[in-house]
């Protein structure tokens, strides 16, 4: 409670958590109805339902972080809002698998952009065609 400064225990968050857990339980009833037993089968169904919008309000899903509300204990709820990115999607799948009895954890990664600058000082060749032997004989500085 002290790590979230009590935010995870407000009346609203508690209600959202209850509704989200009910959603996860009902989702797993669907997995059982289709007799899905391994993570690949469960993921395939999840992926189909996700991108067709069946897991989101108004049956609209967009891969976007524009309206992301990262509630640390309920990251998967963004999928239901209809806009989510990989951290939200993987959190929901993790919750589904764990509730189904398949041990699962999220693996967080972070990638920053990078630039590679390669400075090579070479002579530009004026003639458009050379033989293989001539090209081998050229010296690049």
Protein backbone atom coordinates (compact mmCIF):
# COMPACT_ATOMS: atom_id res chain seq x y z
CA UNK A 1 0.00 0.00 0.00
CA UNK A 2 2.85 2.37 0.73
CA UNK A 3 4.45 1.83 -2.71
CA UNK A 4 1.34 3.11 -4.48
CA UNK A 5 0.69 5.74 -1.79
CA UNK A 6 -2.70 4.10 -1.29
CA UNK A 7 -3.82 4.71 -4.92
CA UNK A 8 -4.34 0.99 -5.55
CA UNK A 9 -6.83 0.79 -2.70
CA UNK A 10 -9.23 3.60 -3.53
CA UNK A 11 -12.90 2.79 -4.02
CA UNK A 12 -12.63 3.25 -7.80
CA UNK A 13 -9.56 1.04 -8.20
CA UNK A 14 -11.07 -1.68 -6.03
CA UNK A 15 -14.23 -1.67 -8.20
CA UNK A 16 -12.18 -1.71 -11.43
CA UNK A 17 -10.13 -4.63 -10.05
CA UNK A 18 -13.32 -6.57 -9.21
CA UNK A 19 -14.76 -5.98 -12.69
CA UNK A 20 -11.46 -6.89 -14.34
CA UNK A 21 -11.20 -10.13 -12.34
CA UNK A 22 -14.77 -10.97 -13.34
CA UNK A 23 -13.81 -10.34 -16.98
CA UNK A 24 -10.78 -12.66 -16.64
CA UNK A 25 -12.92 -15.40 -15.04
CA UNK A 26 -15.55 -15.13 -17.80
CA UNK A 27 -12.85 -15.13 -20.47
CA UNK A 28 -11.47 -18.37 -19.06
CA UNK A 29 -14.95 -19.90 -19.19
CA UNK A 30 -14.69 -19.30 -22.94
CA UNK A 31 -11.30 -21.06 -23.00
CA UNK A 32 -12.86 -24.02 -21.21
CA UNK A 33 -15.87 -24.06 -23.54
CA UNK A 34 -13.50 -24.39 -26.51
CA UNK A 35 -11.42 -26.95 -24.60
CA UNK A 36 -8.23 -24.91 -24.96
CA UNK A 37 -5.50 -26.44 -22.84
CA UNK A 38 -2.09 -25.15 -23.83
CA UNK A 39 -0.69 -21.60 -23.96
CA UNK A 40 -0.39 -21.56 -27.76
CA UNK A 41 -4.08 -22.34 -28.20
CA UNK A 42 -5.03 -19.77 -25.57
CA UNK A 43 -2.79 -17.13 -27.13
CA UNK A 44 -4.17 -17.78 -30.62
CA UNK A 45 -7.74 -17.28 -29.42
CA UNK A 46 -6.72 -14.23 -27.38
CA UNK A 47 -4.91 -12.65 -30.32
CA UNK A 48 -7.87 -13.19 -32.64
CA UNK A 49 -10.39 -11.75 -30.17
CA UNK A 50 -8.09 -8.84 -29.31
CA UNK A 51 -7.48 -7.57 -32.83
CA UNK A 52 -11.07 -8.16 -33.94
CA UNK A 53 -12.16 -5.89 -31.06
CA UNK A 54 -14.09 -8.51 -29.09
CA UNK A 55 -12.19 -7.70 -25.89
CA UNK A 56 -12.76 -3.94 -26.13
CA UNK A 57 -15.71 -1.66 -25.57
CA UNK A 58 -17.72 -0.87 -28.69
CA UNK A 59 -15.82 -3.72 -30.41
CA UNK A 60 -13.07 -1.30 -31.44
CA UNK A 61 -9.41 -1.92 -30.70
CA UNK A 62 -6.48 0.26 -31.68
CA UNK A 63 -2.82 -0.45 -30.97
CA UNK A 64 -2.07 2.91 -29.40
CA UNK A 65 -0.80 4.40 -26.18
CA UNK A 66 -2.59 7.74 -26.61
CA UNK A 67 -5.06 7.14 -23.79
CA UNK A 68 -2.92 4.78 -21.73
CA UNK A 69 -3.71 4.77 -18.05
CA UNK A 70 -1.05 2.65 -16.45
CA UNK A 71 -2.54 1.56 -13.16
CA UNK A 72 0.32 -0.61 -11.90
CA UNK A 73 -1.85 -3.38 -10.54
CA UNK A 74 -4.30 -3.32 -13.49
CA UNK A 75 -2.29 -2.68 -16.63
CA UNK A 76 -4.39 -5.14 -18.67
CA UNK A 77 -7.51 -3.01 -18.29
CA UNK A 78 -6.35 -0.74 -21.12
CA UNK A 79 -7.35 -3.46 -23.58
CA UNK A 80 -10.96 -3.12 -22.48
CA UNK A 81 -10.80 0.64 -23.07
CA UNK A 82 -9.96 -0.12 -26.70
CA UNK A 83 -6.48 1.39 -26.89
CA UNK A 84 -3.47 -0.54 -25.69
CA UNK A 85 0.15 -1.29 -26.45
CA UNK A 86 2.26 -4.40 -25.91
CA UNK A 87 2.68 -3.92 -22.14
CA UNK A 88 -1.12 -3.79 -21.70
CA UNK A 89 -1.80 -6.71 -24.02
CA UNK A 90 0.84 -8.93 -22.41
CA UNK A 91 -0.44 -8.03 -18.94
CA UNK A 92 -3.96 -9.16 -19.83
CA UNK A 93 -2.70 -12.40 -21.40
CA UNK A 94 -0.55 -13.02 -18.31
CA UNK A 95 -3.59 -12.51 -16.07
CA UNK A 96 -5.65 -14.88 -18.22
CA UNK A 97 -2.99 -17.59 -18.19
CA UNK A 98 -2.39 -17.32 -14.43
CA UNK A 99 -6.11 -17.48 -13.69
CA UNK A 100 -6.37 -20.52 -15.98
CA UNK A 101 -3.70 -22.29 -13.94
CA UNK A 102 -0.78 -21.77 -16.31
CA UNK A 103 2.11 -20.05 -14.56
CA UNK A 104 2.99 -16.90 -16.46
CA UNK A 105 4.94 -13.68 -15.96
CA UNK A 106 5.42 -10.53 -17.93
CA UNK A 107 8.85 -9.76 -19.28
CA UNK A 108 9.41 -6.03 -19.38
CA UNK A 109 11.76 -4.62 -21.98
CA UNK A 110 12.79 -1.14 -22.99
CA UNK A 111 14.34 -0.14 -26.24
CA UNK A 112 15.69 3.28 -27.05
CA UNK A 113 16.47 4.57 -30.50
CA UNK A 114 20.07 4.69 -31.54
CA UNK A 115 22.11 6.05 -34.42
CA UNK A 116 25.10 4.45 -36.03
CA UNK A 117 27.46 6.81 -37.79
CA UNK A 118 30.05 5.20 -39.99
CA UNK A 119 32.60 7.56 -41.44
CA UNK A 120 34.62 5.99 -44.21
CA UNK A 121 36.95 8.08 -46.28
CA UNK A 122 36.92 6.58 -49.78
CA UNK A 123 37.72 7.84 -53.22
CA UNK A 124 34.72 8.09 -55.51
CA UNK A 125 35.32 6.35 -58.82
CA UNK A 126 34.60 8.46 -61.87
CA UNK A 127 34.30 5.71 -64.44
CA UNK A 128 31.06 3.69 -64.41
CA UNK A 129 32.49 0.30 -65.41
CA UNK A 130 35.54 -1.68 -64.35
CA UNK A 131 36.61 -5.25 -64.78
CA UNK A 132 36.90 -7.50 -61.77
CA UNK A 133 40.69 -7.33 -61.97
CA UNK A 134 40.64 -3.53 -62.12
CA UNK A 135 38.32 -3.31 -59.11
CA UNK A 136 40.58 -5.63 -57.08
CA UNK A 137 43.54 -3.42 -57.95
CA UNK A 138 41.93 -0.17 -56.74
CA UNK A 139 43.08 1.10 -53.36
CA UNK A 140 40.44 2.42 -51.01
CA UNK A 141 41.78 4.95 -48.57
